[in-house]
């Protein structure tokens, strides 16, 4: 069954919101050295980024308090590539986090940097 515009916008907002709260948990767990728990959350975030690519059809540009900017649809390949990169980087993070000398810097490089890159270009200021 087809999702309505409202359902799609609310679903993508919920998924981004979930990734943000999950990212905060990843940071907390990693800083405590609880890497196995953190890794499972990283994999979950990676999968969410892949799903998000499907949540920006043409008919969801406005309404329902979306904070997505029109540039997402104007530069769809760039947006999709950033979601793919975010997904790939989360998997890469699972491989390097345990041996990282600088956990905070590693999280910045592979996780928070992608959040920032997307927000600064594709999301309305909030």
PDB file of N, CA and C in Angstrom:
ATOM      1  N   UNK A   1       0.843  -1.206   0.000  1.00  0.00           N
ATOM      2  CA  UNK A   1       0.000   0.000   0.000  1.00  0.00           C
ATOM      3  C   UNK A   1       0.876   1.253   0.000  1.00  0.00           C
ATOM      4  N   UNK A   2       0.432   2.245  -0.732  1.00  0.00           N
ATOM      5  CA  UNK A   2       1.184   3.495  -0.839  1.00  0.00           C
ATOM      6  C   UNK A   2       1.037   4.321   0.434  1.00  0.00           C
ATOM      7  N   UNK A   3       2.154   4.881   0.883  1.00  0.00           N
ATOM      8  CA  UNK A   3       2.104   5.777   2.031  1.00  0.00           C
ATOM      9  C   UNK A   3       1.659   7.157   1.565  1.00  0.00           C
ATOM     10  N   UNK A   4       0.941   7.863   2.421  1.00  0.00           N
ATOM     11  CA  UNK A   4       0.545   9.236   2.098  1.00  0.00           C
ATOM     12  C   UNK A   4       1.747  10.162   2.266  1.00  0.00           C
ATOM     13  N   UNK A   5       1.635  11.357   1.699  1.00  0.00           N
ATOM     14  CA  UNK A   5       2.687  12.366   1.848  1.00  0.00           C
ATOM     15  C   UNK A   5       2.968  12.600   3.330  1.00  0.00           C
ATOM     16  N   UNK A   6       1.910  12.738   4.105  1.00  0.00           N
ATOM     17  CA  UNK A   6       2.073  12.967   5.548  1.00  0.00           C
ATOM     18  C   UNK A   6       2.837  11.815   6.208  1.00  0.00           C
ATOM     19  N   UNK A   7       2.484  10.588   5.870  1.00  0.00           N
ATOM     20  CA  UNK A   7       3.145   9.421   6.461  1.00  0.00           C
ATOM     21  C   UNK A   7       4.625   9.368   6.085  1.00  0.00           C
ATOM     22  N   UNK A   8       4.947   9.701   4.834  1.00  0.00           N
ATOM     23  CA  UNK A   8       6.340   9.679   4.384  1.00  0.00           C
ATOM     24  C   UNK A   8       7.160  10.737   5.122  1.00  0.00           C
ATOM     25  N   UNK A   9       6.638  11.958   5.177  1.00  0.00           N
ATOM     26  CA  UNK A   9       7.369  13.047   5.849  1.00  0.00           C
ATOM     27  C   UNK A   9       7.554  12.735   7.335  1.00  0.00           C
ATOM     28  N   UNK A  10       6.499  12.259   7.970  1.00  0.00           N
ATOM     29  CA  UNK A  10       6.605  11.918   9.407  1.00  0.00           C
ATOM     30  C   UNK A  10       7.564  10.752   9.622  1.00  0.00           C
ATOM     31  N   UNK A  11       7.566   9.793   8.711  1.00  0.00           N
ATOM     32  CA  UNK A  11       8.451   8.631   8.840  1.00  0.00           C
ATOM     33  C   UNK A  11       9.918   9.038   8.695  1.00  0.00           C
ATOM     34  N   UNK A  12      10.210   9.904   7.721  1.00  0.00           N
ATOM     35  CA  UNK A  12      11.616  10.305   7.547  1.00  0.00           C
ATOM     36  C   UNK A  12      12.083  11.165   8.707  1.00  0.00           C
ATOM     37  N   UNK A  13      11.205  12.031   9.212  1.00  0.00           N
ATOM     38  CA  UNK A  13      11.579  12.839  10.377  1.00  0.00           C
ATOM     39  C   UNK A  13      11.852  11.936  11.575  1.00  0.00           C
ATOM     40  N   UNK A  14      11.009  10.945  11.757  1.00  0.00           N
ATOM     41  CA  UNK A  14      11.181  10.008  12.874  1.00  0.00           C
ATOM     42  C   UNK A  14      12.487   9.222  12.741  1.00  0.00           C
ATOM     43  N   UNK A  15      12.819   8.836  11.508  1.00  0.00           N
ATOM     44  CA  UNK A  15      14.032   8.047  11.290  1.00  0.00           C
ATOM     45  C   UNK A  15      15.292   8.882  11.515  1.00  0.00           C
ATOM     46  N   UNK A  16      15.287  10.132  11.031  1.00  0.00           N
ATOM     47  CA  UNK A  16      16.422  11.020  11.306  1.00  0.00           C
ATOM     48  C   UNK A  16      16.546  11.272  12.809  1.00  0.00           C
ATOM     49  N   UNK A  17      15.421  11.468  13.449  1.00  0.00           N
ATOM     50  CA  UNK A  17      15.403  11.708  14.893  1.00  0.00           C
ATOM     51  C   UNK A  17      15.959  10.491  15.642  1.00  0.00           C
ATOM     52  N   UNK A  18      15.547   9.311  15.211  1.00  0.00           N
ATOM     53  CA  UNK A  18      16.039   8.068  15.815  1.00  0.00           C
ATOM     54  C   UNK A  18      17.548   7.949  15.608  1.00  0.00           C
ATOM     55  N   UNK A  19      18.032   8.269  14.399  1.00  0.00           N
ATOM     56  CA  UNK A  19      19.479   8.189  14.161  1.00  0.00           C
ATOM     57  C   UNK A  19      20.235   9.154  15.064  1.00  0.00           C
ATOM     58  N   UNK A  20      19.667  10.328  15.299  1.00  0.00           N
ATOM     59  CA  UNK A  20      20.331  11.287  16.187  1.00  0.00           C
ATOM     60  C   UNK A  20      20.407  10.749  17.617  1.00  0.00           C
ATOM     61  N   UNK A  21      19.306  10.238  18.125  1.00  0.00           N
ATOM     62  CA  UNK A  21      19.351   9.705  19.491  1.00  0.00           C
ATOM     63  C   UNK A  21      20.246   8.462  19.565  1.00  0.00           C
ATOM     64  N   UNK A  22      20.264   7.669  18.504  1.00  0.00           N
ATOM     65  CA  UNK A  22      21.148   6.504  18.451  1.00  0.00           C
ATOM     66  C   UNK A  22      22.610   6.946  18.403  1.00  0.00           C
ATOM     67  N   UNK A  23      22.899   7.995  17.639  1.00  0.00           N
ATOM     68  CA  UNK A  23      24.272   8.521  17.559  1.00  0.00           C
ATOM     69  C   UNK A  23      24.767   8.959  18.939  1.00  0.00           C
ATOM     70  N   UNK A  24      23.887   9.590  19.707  1.00  0.00           N
ATOM     71  CA  UNK A  24      24.273   9.998  21.069  1.00  0.00           C
ATOM     72  C   UNK A  24      24.586   8.773  21.927  1.00  0.00           C
ATOM     73  N   UNK A  25      23.798   7.691  21.756  1.00  0.00           N
ATOM     74  CA  UNK A  25      24.067   6.446  22.492  1.00  0.00           C
ATOM     75  C   UNK A  25      25.395   5.835  22.049  1.00  0.00           C
ATOM     76  N   UNK A  26      25.660   5.872  20.735  1.00  0.00           N
ATOM     77  CA  UNK A  26      26.923   5.355  20.198  1.00  0.00           C
ATOM     78  C   UNK A  26      28.098   6.088  20.846  1.00  0.00           C
ATOM     79  N   UNK A  27      27.981   7.399  20.944  1.00  0.00           N
ATOM     80  CA  UNK A  27      29.041   8.193  21.553  1.00  0.00           C
ATOM     81  C   UNK A  27      29.251   7.806  23.016  1.00  0.00           C
ATOM     82  N   UNK A  28      28.167   7.696  23.754  1.00  0.00           N
ATOM     83  CA  UNK A  28      28.251   7.328  25.175  1.00  0.00           C
ATOM     84  C   UNK A  28      28.860   5.939  25.355  1.00  0.00           C
ATOM     85  N   UNK A  29      28.344   4.971  24.610  1.00  0.00           N
ATOM     86  CA  UNK A  29      28.847   3.595  24.725  1.00  0.00           C
ATOM     87  C   UNK A  29      30.319   3.506  24.328  1.00  0.00           C
ATOM     88  N   UNK A  30      30.687   4.183  23.238  1.00  0.00           N
ATOM     89  CA  UNK A  30      32.080   4.140  22.767  1.00  0.00           C
ATOM     90  C   UNK A  30      33.022   4.755  23.786  1.00  0.00           C
ATOM     91  N   UNK A  31      32.606   5.864  24.379  1.00  0.00           N
ATOM     92  CA  UNK A  31      33.475   6.525  25.355  1.00  0.00           C
ATOM     93  C   UNK A  31      33.637   5.680  26.618  1.00  0.00           C
ATOM     94  N   UNK A  32      32.678   4.773  26.876  1.00  0.00           N
ATOM     95  CA  UNK A  32      32.782   3.855  28.020  1.00  0.00           C
ATOM     96  C   UNK A  32      33.481   2.555  27.648  1.00  0.00           C
ATOM     97  N   UNK A  33      33.849   2.420  26.363  1.00  0.00           N
ATOM     98  CA  UNK A  33      34.501   1.191  25.921  1.00  0.00           C
ATOM     99  C   UNK A  33      33.544   0.037  25.686  1.00  0.00           C
ATOM    100  N   UNK A  34      32.254   0.316  25.618  1.00  0.00           N
ATOM    101  CA  UNK A  34      31.249  -0.735  25.367  1.00  0.00           C
ATOM    102  C   UNK A  34      31.033  -0.858  23.855  1.00  0.00           C
ATOM    103  N   UNK A  35      32.060  -1.365  23.184  1.00  0.00           N
ATOM    104  CA  UNK A  35      32.104  -1.338  21.723  1.00  0.00           C
ATOM    105  C   UNK A  35      31.110  -2.271  21.045  1.00  0.00           C
ATOM    106  N   UNK A  36      30.866  -3.433  21.616  1.00  0.00           N
ATOM    107  CA  UNK A  36      29.934  -4.367  20.960  1.00  0.00           C
ATOM    108  C   UNK A  36      28.528  -3.774  20.905  1.00  0.00           C
ATOM    109  N   UNK A  37      28.082  -3.183  21.998  1.00  0.00           N
ATOM    110  CA  UNK A  37      26.764  -2.530  22.004  1.00  0.00           C
ATOM    111  C   UNK A  37      26.743  -1.362  21.017  1.00  0.00           C
ATOM    112  N   UNK A  38      27.820  -0.588  21.018  1.00  0.00           N
ATOM    113  CA  UNK A  38      27.909   0.564  20.113  1.00  0.00           C
ATOM    114  C   UNK A  38      27.870   0.106  18.656  1.00  0.00           C
ATOM    115  N   UNK A  39      28.568  -0.978  18.345  1.00  0.00           N
ATOM    116  CA  UNK A  39      28.638  -1.471  16.964  1.00  0.00           C
ATOM    117  C   UNK A  39      27.267  -1.887  16.444  1.00  0.00           C
ATOM    118  N   UNK A  40      26.471  -2.529  17.273  1.00  0.00           N
ATOM    119  CA  UNK A  40      25.144  -2.949  16.794  1.00  0.00           C
ATOM    120  C   UNK A  40      24.289  -1.716  16.472  1.00  0.00           C
ATOM    121  N   UNK A  41      24.466  -0.658  17.247  1.00  0.00           N
ATOM    122  CA  UNK A  41      23.741   0.594  16.960  1.00  0.00           C
ATOM    123  C   UNK A  41      24.273   1.263  15.691  1.00  0.00           C
ATOM    124  N   UNK A  42      25.570   1.166  15.464  1.00  0.00           N
ATOM    125  CA  UNK A  42      26.164   1.723  14.238  1.00  0.00           C
ATOM    126  C   UNK A  42      25.572   1.043  13.004  1.00  0.00           C
ATOM    127  N   UNK A  43      25.419  -0.272  13.084  1.00  0.00           N
ATOM    128  CA  UNK A  43      24.866  -1.043  11.961  1.00  0.00           C
ATOM    129  C   UNK A  43      23.407  -0.645  11.734  1.00  0.00           C
ATOM    130  N   UNK A  44      22.667  -0.460  12.806  1.00  0.00           N
ATOM    131  CA  UNK A  44      21.272  -0.007  12.713  1.00  0.00           C
ATOM    132  C   UNK A  44      21.200   1.363  12.023  1.00  0.00           C
ATOM    133  N   UNK A  45      22.076   2.276  12.421  1.00  0.00           N
ATOM    134  CA  UNK A  45      22.105   3.597  11.782  1.00  0.00           C
ATOM    135  C   UNK A  45      22.441   3.478  10.305  1.00  0.00           C
ATOM    136  N   UNK A  46      23.383   2.625   9.971  1.00  0.00           N
ATOM    137  CA  UNK A  46      23.779   2.416   8.579  1.00  0.00           C
ATOM    138  C   UNK A  46      22.574   1.998   7.740  1.00  0.00           C
ATOM    139  N   UNK A  47      21.806   1.054   8.260  1.00  0.00           N
ATOM    140  CA  UNK A  47      20.607   0.582   7.544  1.00  0.00           C
ATOM    141  C   UNK A  47      19.582   1.716   7.401  1.00  0.00           C
ATOM    142  N   UNK A  48      19.425   2.513   8.442  1.00  0.00           N
ATOM    143  CA  UNK A  48      18.468   3.629   8.397  1.00  0.00           C
ATOM    144  C   UNK A  48      18.811   4.617   7.291  1.00  0.00           C
ATOM    145  N   UNK A  49      20.103   4.893   7.102  1.00  0.00           N
ATOM    146  CA  UNK A  49      20.491   5.832   6.035  1.00  0.00           C
ATOM    147  C   UNK A  49      20.098   5.302   4.663  1.00  0.00           C
ATOM    148  N   UNK A  50      20.206   3.989   4.453  1.00  0.00           N
ATOM    149  CA  UNK A  50      19.800   3.396   3.177  1.00  0.00           C
ATOM    150  C   UNK A  50      18.298   3.565   2.962  1.00  0.00           C
ATOM    151  N   UNK A  51      17.518   3.350   4.017  1.00  0.00           N
ATOM    152  CA  UNK A  51      16.063   3.483   3.949  1.00  0.00           C
ATOM    153  C   UNK A  51      15.665   4.923   3.650  1.00  0.00           C
ATOM    154  N   UNK A  52      16.382   5.860   4.245  1.00  0.00           N
ATOM    155  CA  UNK A  52      16.033   7.280   4.089  1.00  0.00           C
ATOM    156  C   UNK A  52      16.055   7.745   2.634  1.00  0.00           C
ATOM    157  N   UNK A  53      16.901   7.142   1.823  1.00  0.00           N
ATOM    158  CA  UNK A  53      16.981   7.513   0.402  1.00  0.00           C
ATOM    159  C   UNK A  53      15.604   7.407  -0.260  1.00  0.00           C
ATOM    160  N   UNK A  54      14.818   6.435   0.179  1.00  0.00           N
ATOM    161  CA  UNK A  54      13.488   6.207  -0.416  1.00  0.00           C
ATOM    162  C   UNK A  54      12.419   7.160   0.122  1.00  0.00           C
ATOM    163  N   UNK A  55      12.766   7.950   1.123  1.00  0.00           N
ATOM    164  CA  UNK A  55      11.768   8.784   1.805  1.00  0.00           C
ATOM    165  C   UNK A  55      11.699  10.228   1.303  1.00  0.00           C
ATOM    166  N   UNK A  56      12.184  10.460   0.091  1.00  0.00           N
ATOM    167  CA  UNK A  56      12.148  11.817  -0.466  1.00  0.00           C
ATOM    168  C   UNK A  56      11.577  11.840  -1.880  1.00  0.00           C
ATOM    169  N   UNK A  57      10.376  11.251  -2.069  1.00  0.00           N
ATOM    170  CA  UNK A  57       9.771  11.325  -3.407  1.00  0.00           C
ATOM    171  C   UNK A  57       9.379  12.779  -3.737  1.00  0.00           C
ATOM    172  N   UNK A  58       9.197  13.037  -5.012  1.00  0.00           N
ATOM    173  CA  UNK A  58       8.892  14.386  -5.514  1.00  0.00           C
ATOM    174  C   UNK A  58       7.728  15.064  -4.789  1.00  0.00           C
ATOM    175  N   UNK A  59       6.727  14.279  -4.412  1.00  0.00           N
ATOM    176  CA  UNK A  59       5.515  14.872  -3.837  1.00  0.00           C
ATOM    177  C   UNK A  59       5.628  15.179  -2.339  1.00  0.00           C
ATOM    178  N   UNK A  60       6.849  15.104  -1.778  1.00  0.00           N
ATOM    179  CA  UNK A  60       7.001  15.346  -0.337  1.00  0.00           C
ATOM    180  C   UNK A  60       7.886  16.554  -0.044  1.00  0.00           C
ATOM    181  N   UNK A  61       7.867  17.522  -0.951  1.00  0.00           N
ATOM    182  CA  UNK A  61       8.727  18.699  -0.801  1.00  0.00           C
ATOM    183  C   UNK A  61       8.235  19.660   0.265  1.00  0.00           C
ATOM    184  N   UNK A  62       6.951  19.641   0.553  1.00  0.00           N
ATOM    185  CA  UNK A  62       6.443  20.608   1.534  1.00  0.00           C
ATOM    186  C   UNK A  62       5.287  20.030   2.334  1.00  0.00           C
ATOM    187  N   UNK A  63       5.014  20.722   3.436  1.00  0.00           N
ATOM    188  CA  UNK A  63       3.914  20.321   4.301  1.00  0.00           C
ATOM    189  C   UNK A  63       4.392  19.516   5.492  1.00  0.00           C
ATOM    190  N   UNK A  64       3.498  19.363   6.435  1.00  0.00           N
ATOM    191  CA  UNK A  64       3.709  18.522   7.610  1.00  0.00           C
ATOM    192  C   UNK A  64       5.021  18.815   8.335  1.00  0.00           C
ATOM    193  N   UNK A  65       5.327  20.108   8.435  1.00  0.00           N
ATOM    194  CA  UNK A  65       6.497  20.585   9.178  1.00  0.00           C
ATOM    195  C   UNK A  65       7.815  19.973   8.702  1.00  0.00           C
ATOM    196  N   UNK A  66       7.910  19.684   7.412  1.00  0.00           N
ATOM    197  CA  UNK A  66       9.176  19.161   6.899  1.00  0.00           C
ATOM    198  C   UNK A  66      10.242  20.252   7.014  1.00  0.00           C
ATOM    199  N   UNK A  67      11.441  19.838   7.339  1.00  0.00           N
ATOM    200  CA  UNK A  67      12.566  20.776   7.408  1.00  0.00           C
ATOM    201  C   UNK A  67      13.529  20.500   6.261  1.00  0.00           C
ATOM    202  N   UNK A  68      13.068  19.671   5.313  1.00  0.00           N
ATOM    203  CA  UNK A  68      13.876  19.355   4.135  1.00  0.00           C
ATOM    204  C   UNK A  68      13.841  20.543   3.178  1.00  0.00           C
ATOM    205  N   UNK A  69      15.007  20.947   2.715  1.00  0.00           N
ATOM    206  CA  UNK A  69      15.097  22.068   1.774  1.00  0.00           C
ATOM    207  C   UNK A  69      14.919  21.569   0.326  1.00  0.00           C
ATOM    208  N   UNK A  70      14.434  22.443  -0.568  1.00  0.00           N
ATOM    209  CA  UNK A  70      14.227  22.053  -1.974  1.00  0.00           C
ATOM    210  C   UNK A  70      15.486  21.520  -2.660  1.00  0.00           C
ATOM    211  N   UNK A  71      16.658  21.915  -2.169  1.00  0.00           N
ATOM    212  CA  UNK A  71      17.915  21.460  -2.781  1.00  0.00           C
ATOM    213  C   UNK A  71      18.048  19.930  -2.757  1.00  0.00           C
ATOM    214  N   UNK A  72      17.350  19.264  -1.845  1.00  0.00           N
ATOM    215  CA  UNK A  72      17.377  17.791  -1.818  1.00  0.00           C
ATOM    216  C   UNK A  72      16.911  17.241  -3.161  1.00  0.00           C
ATOM    217  N   UNK A  73      15.852  17.831  -3.699  1.00  0.00           N
ATOM    218  CA  UNK A  73      15.299  17.336  -4.965  1.00  0.00           C
ATOM    219  C   UNK A  73      16.066  17.906  -6.158  1.00  0.00           C
ATOM    220  N   UNK A  74      16.623  19.096  -5.999  1.00  0.00           N
ATOM    221  CA  UNK A  74      17.411  19.713  -7.073  1.00  0.00           C
ATOM    222  C   UNK A  74      18.747  18.987  -7.248  1.00  0.00           C
ATOM    223  N   UNK A  75      19.290  18.505  -6.153  1.00  0.00           N
ATOM    224  CA  UNK A  75      20.585  17.803  -6.188  1.00  0.00           C
ATOM    225  C   UNK A  75      20.411  16.419  -5.570  1.00  0.00           C
ATOM    226  N   UNK A  76      19.470  15.664  -6.139  1.00  0.00           N
ATOM    227  CA  UNK A  76      19.082  14.364  -5.588  1.00  0.00           C
ATOM    228  C   UNK A  76      20.263  13.398  -5.519  1.00  0.00           C
ATOM    229  N   UNK A  77      21.085  13.372  -6.563  1.00  0.00           N
ATOM    230  CA  UNK A  77      22.233  12.453  -6.551  1.00  0.00           C
ATOM    231  C   UNK A  77      23.187  12.790  -5.414  1.00  0.00           C
ATOM    232  N   UNK A  78      23.416  14.072  -5.206  1.00  0.00           N
ATOM    233  CA  UNK A  78      24.322  14.505  -4.134  1.00  0.00           C
ATOM    234  C   UNK A  78      23.761  14.109  -2.768  1.00  0.00           C
ATOM    235  N   UNK A  79      22.464  14.320  -2.576  1.00  0.00           N
ATOM    236  CA  UNK A  79      21.817  13.938  -1.318  1.00  0.00           C
ATOM    237  C   UNK A  79      21.908  12.419  -1.133  1.00  0.00           C
ATOM    238  N   UNK A  80      21.525  11.671  -2.160  1.00  0.00           N
ATOM    239  CA  UNK A  80      21.570  10.205  -2.059  1.00  0.00           C
ATOM    240  C   UNK A  80      22.986   9.704  -1.790  1.00  0.00           C
ATOM    241  N   UNK A  81      23.965  10.324  -2.451  1.00  0.00           N
ATOM    242  CA  UNK A  81      25.364   9.947  -2.225  1.00  0.00           C
ATOM    243  C   UNK A  81      25.782  10.203  -0.784  1.00  0.00           C
ATOM    244  N   UNK A  82      25.297  11.293  -0.203  1.00  0.00           N
ATOM    245  CA  UNK A  82      25.618  11.596   1.192  1.00  0.00           C
ATOM    246  C   UNK A  82      24.975  10.568   2.132  1.00  0.00           C
ATOM    247  N   UNK A  83      23.744  10.140   1.816  1.00  0.00           N
ATOM    248  CA  UNK A  83      23.098   9.092   2.624  1.00  0.00           C
ATOM    249  C   UNK A  83      23.882   7.780   2.495  1.00  0.00           C
ATOM    250  N   UNK A  84      24.326   7.459   1.275  1.00  0.00           N
ATOM    251  CA  UNK A  84      25.136   6.247   1.051  1.00  0.00           C
ATOM    252  C   UNK A  84      26.461   6.340   1.812  1.00  0.00           C
ATOM    253  N   UNK A  85      27.108   7.510   1.742  1.00  0.00           N
ATOM    254  CA  UNK A  85      28.371   7.725   2.445  1.00  0.00           C
ATOM    255  C   UNK A  85      28.162   7.585   3.952  1.00  0.00           C
ATOM    256  N   UNK A  86      27.072   8.157   4.461  1.00  0.00           N
ATOM    257  CA  UNK A  86      26.767   8.058   5.890  1.00  0.00           C
ATOM    258  C   UNK A  86      26.599   6.598   6.286  1.00  0.00           C
ATOM    259  N   UNK A  87      25.910   5.826   5.449  1.00  0.00           N
ATOM    260  CA  UNK A  87      25.708   4.402   5.700  1.00  0.00           C
ATOM    261  C   UNK A  87      27.038   3.651   5.705  1.00  0.00           C
ATOM    262  N   UNK A  88      27.850   3.879   4.681  1.00  0.00           N
ATOM    263  CA  UNK A  88      29.155   3.225   4.550  1.00  0.00           C
ATOM    264  C   UNK A  88      30.091   3.615   5.697  1.00  0.00           C
ATOM    265  N   UNK A  89      30.077   4.906   6.042  1.00  0.00           N
ATOM    266  CA  UNK A  89      30.951   5.379   7.129  1.00  0.00           C
ATOM    267  C   UNK A  89      30.581   4.741   8.466  1.00  0.00           C
ATOM    268  N   UNK A  90      29.301   4.474   8.689  1.00  0.00           N
ATOM    269  CA  UNK A  90      28.907   3.826   9.948  1.00  0.00           C
ATOM    270  C   UNK A  90      29.468   2.400  10.013  1.00  0.00           C
ATOM    271  N   UNK A  91      29.490   1.711   8.868  1.00  0.00           N
ATOM    272  CA  UNK A  91      30.081   0.367   8.827  1.00  0.00           C
ATOM    273  C   UNK A  91      31.594   0.460   9.037  1.00  0.00           C
ATOM    274  N   UNK A  92      32.211   1.442   8.407  1.00  0.00           N
ATOM    275  CA  UNK A  92      33.654   1.666   8.595  1.00  0.00           C
ATOM    276  C   UNK A  92      33.954   1.941  10.075  1.00  0.00           C
ATOM    277  N   UNK A  93      33.093   2.695  10.710  1.00  0.00           N
ATOM    278  CA  UNK A  93      33.261   3.025  12.127  1.00  0.00           C
ATOM    279  C   UNK A  93      33.299   1.772  12.992  1.00  0.00           C
ATOM    280  N   UNK A  94      32.469   0.777  12.647  1.00  0.00           N
ATOM    281  CA  UNK A  94      32.475  -0.472  13.434  1.00  0.00           C
ATOM    282  C   UNK A  94      33.847  -1.146  13.382  1.00  0.00           C
ATOM    283  N   UNK A  95      34.582  -0.913  12.295  1.00  0.00           N
ATOM    284  CA  UNK A  95      35.877  -1.581  12.102  1.00  0.00           C
ATOM    285  C   UNK A  95      37.030  -0.847  12.778  1.00  0.00           C
ATOM    286  N   UNK A  96      36.867   0.444  13.038  1.00  0.00           N
ATOM    287  CA  UNK A  96      37.998   1.227  13.549  1.00  0.00           C
ATOM    288  C   UNK A  96      37.827   1.746  14.981  1.00  0.00           C
ATOM    289  N   UNK A  97      36.614   1.713  15.494  1.00  0.00           N
ATOM    290  CA  UNK A  97      36.354   2.383  16.787  1.00  0.00           C
ATOM    291  C   UNK A  97      37.163   1.783  17.939  1.00  0.00           C
ATOM    292  N   UNK A  98      37.301   0.467  17.971  1.00  0.00           N
ATOM    293  CA  UNK A  98      37.993  -0.171  19.102  1.00  0.00           C
ATOM    294  C   UNK A  98      39.476   0.147  19.167  1.00  0.00           C
ATOM    295  N   UNK A  99      40.072   0.393  18.010  1.00  0.00           N
ATOM    296  CA  UNK A  99      41.518   0.640  17.986  1.00  0.00           C
ATOM    297  C   UNK A  99      41.842   2.127  17.816  1.00  0.00           C
ATOM    298  N   UNK A 100      40.828   2.963  17.827  1.00  0.00           N
ATOM    299  CA  UNK A 100      41.037   4.409  17.633  1.00  0.00           C
ATOM    300  C   UNK A 100      41.775   5.003  18.826  1.00  0.00           C
ATOM    301  N   UNK A 101      42.794   5.807  18.532  1.00  0.00           N
ATOM    302  CA  UNK A 101      43.503   6.525  19.600  1.00  0.00           C
ATOM    303  C   UNK A 101      42.614   7.639  20.136  1.00  0.00           C
ATOM    304  N   UNK A 102      41.846   8.233  19.250  1.00  0.00           N
ATOM    305  CA  UNK A 102      40.990   9.367  19.607  1.00  0.00           C
ATOM    306  C   UNK A 102      39.551   9.011  19.251  1.00  0.00           C
ATOM    307  N   UNK A 103      38.829   8.474  20.225  1.00  0.00           N
ATOM    308  CA  UNK A 103      37.450   8.031  19.984  1.00  0.00           C
ATOM    309  C   UNK A 103      36.573   9.201  19.549  1.00  0.00           C
ATOM    310  N   UNK A 104      36.699  10.306  20.240  1.00  0.00           N
ATOM    311  CA  UNK A 104      35.894  11.484  19.909  1.00  0.00           C
ATOM    312  C   UNK A 104      36.133  11.954  18.467  1.00  0.00           C
ATOM    313  N   UNK A 105      37.392  12.039  18.078  1.00  0.00           N
ATOM    314  CA  UNK A 105      37.755  12.452  16.724  1.00  0.00           C
ATOM    315  C   UNK A 105      37.286  11.461  15.665  1.00  0.00           C
ATOM    316  N   UNK A 106      37.347  10.165  16.013  1.00  0.00           N
ATOM    317  CA  UNK A 106      36.907   9.120  15.092  1.00  0.00           C
ATOM    318  C   UNK A 106      35.392   9.195  14.889  1.00  0.00           C
ATOM    319  N   UNK A 107      34.661   9.424  15.976  1.00  0.00           N
ATOM    320  CA  UNK A 107      33.205   9.595  15.863  1.00  0.00           C
ATOM    321  C   UNK A 107      32.877  10.840  15.038  1.00  0.00           C
ATOM    322  N   UNK A 108      33.659  11.881  15.234  1.00  0.00           N
ATOM    323  CA  UNK A 108      33.465  13.116  14.460  1.00  0.00           C
ATOM    324  C   UNK A 108      33.641  12.840  12.971  1.00  0.00           C
ATOM    325  N   UNK A 109      34.704  12.130  12.633  1.00  0.00           N
ATOM    326  CA  UNK A 109      35.028  11.859  11.231  1.00  0.00           C
ATOM    327  C   UNK A 109      33.988  10.969  10.553  1.00  0.00           C
ATOM    328  N   UNK A 110      33.596   9.881  11.208  1.00  0.00           N
ATOM    329  CA  UNK A 110      32.749   8.877  10.559  1.00  0.00           C
ATOM    330  C   UNK A 110      31.260   9.042  10.829  1.00  0.00           C
ATOM    331  N   UNK A 111      30.884   9.817  11.851  1.00  0.00           N
ATOM    332  CA  UNK A 111      29.465   9.919  12.196  1.00  0.00           C
ATOM    333  C   UNK A 111      28.999  11.369  12.204  1.00  0.00           C
ATOM    334  N   UNK A 112      29.453  12.155  13.145  1.00  0.00           N
ATOM    335  CA  UNK A 112      28.949  13.532  13.304  1.00  0.00           C
ATOM    336  C   UNK A 112      29.240  14.415  12.097  1.00  0.00           C
ATOM    337  N   UNK A 113      30.355  14.194  11.423  1.00  0.00           N
ATOM    338  CA  UNK A 113      30.686  14.995  10.238  1.00  0.00           C
ATOM    339  C   UNK A 113      29.641  14.875   9.143  1.00  0.00           C
ATOM    340  N   UNK A 114      29.084  13.671   8.980  1.00  0.00           N
ATOM    341  CA  UNK A 114      28.034  13.464   7.981  1.00  0.00           C
ATOM    342  C   UNK A 114      26.738  14.144   8.398  1.00  0.00           C
ATOM    343  N   UNK A 115      26.420  14.095   9.682  1.00  0.00           N
ATOM    344  CA  UNK A 115      25.223  14.788  10.188  1.00  0.00           C
ATOM    345  C   UNK A 115      25.329  16.273   9.841  1.00  0.00           C
ATOM    346  N   UNK A 116      26.484  16.825  10.155  1.00  0.00           N
ATOM    347  CA  UNK A 116      26.719  18.258   9.931  1.00  0.00           C
ATOM    348  C   UNK A 116      26.668  18.605   8.444  1.00  0.00           C
ATOM    349  N   UNK A 117      27.294  17.769   7.614  1.00  0.00           N
ATOM    350  CA  UNK A 117      27.315  18.021   6.163  1.00  0.00           C
ATOM    351  C   UNK A 117      25.894  18.069   5.602  1.00  0.00           C
ATOM    352  N   UNK A 118      25.059  17.172   6.055  1.00  0.00           N
ATOM    353  CA  UNK A 118      23.687  17.120   5.567  1.00  0.00           C
ATOM    354  C   UNK A 118      22.877  18.305   6.094  1.00  0.00           C
ATOM    355  N   UNK A 119      22.968  18.553   7.401  1.00  0.00           N
ATOM    356  CA  UNK A 119      22.193  19.640   8.008  1.00  0.00           C
ATOM    357  C   UNK A 119      22.546  20.992   7.402  1.00  0.00           C
ATOM    358  N   UNK A 120      23.825  21.221   7.148  1.00  0.00           N
ATOM    359  CA  UNK A 120      24.240  22.547   6.676  1.00  0.00           C
ATOM    360  C   UNK A 120      23.771  22.807   5.251  1.00  0.00           C
ATOM    361  N   UNK A 121      23.525  21.753   4.481  1.00  0.00           N
ATOM    362  CA  UNK A 121      23.142  21.948   3.079  1.00  0.00           C
ATOM    363  C   UNK A 121      21.672  21.623   2.799  1.00  0.00           C
ATOM    364  N   UNK A 122      21.146  20.598   3.442  1.00  0.00           N
ATOM    365  CA  UNK A 122      19.859  20.058   3.047  1.00  0.00           C
ATOM    366  C   UNK A 122      18.717  20.262   4.050  1.00  0.00           C
ATOM    367  N   UNK A 123      19.011  20.831   5.206  1.00  0.00           N
ATOM    368  CA  UNK A 123      17.964  20.983   6.218  1.00  0.00           C
ATOM    369  C   UNK A 123      17.803  22.447   6.598  1.00  0.00           C
ATOM    370  N   UNK A 124      16.555  22.850   6.762  1.00  0.00           N
ATOM    371  CA  UNK A 124      16.264  24.225   7.171  1.00  0.00           C
ATOM    372  C   UNK A 124      16.841  24.451   8.569  1.00  0.00           C
ATOM    373  N   UNK A 125      17.356  25.676   8.827  1.00  0.00           N
ATOM    374  CA  UNK A 125      17.843  25.982  10.180  1.00  0.00           C
ATOM    375  C   UNK A 125      16.711  25.804  11.183  1.00  0.00           C
ATOM    376  N   UNK A 126      17.058  25.292  12.346  1.00  0.00           N
ATOM    377  CA  UNK A 126      16.017  25.036  13.355  1.00  0.00           C
ATOM    378  C   UNK A 126      16.512  25.471  14.731  1.00  0.00           C
TER     379      UNK A 126
END
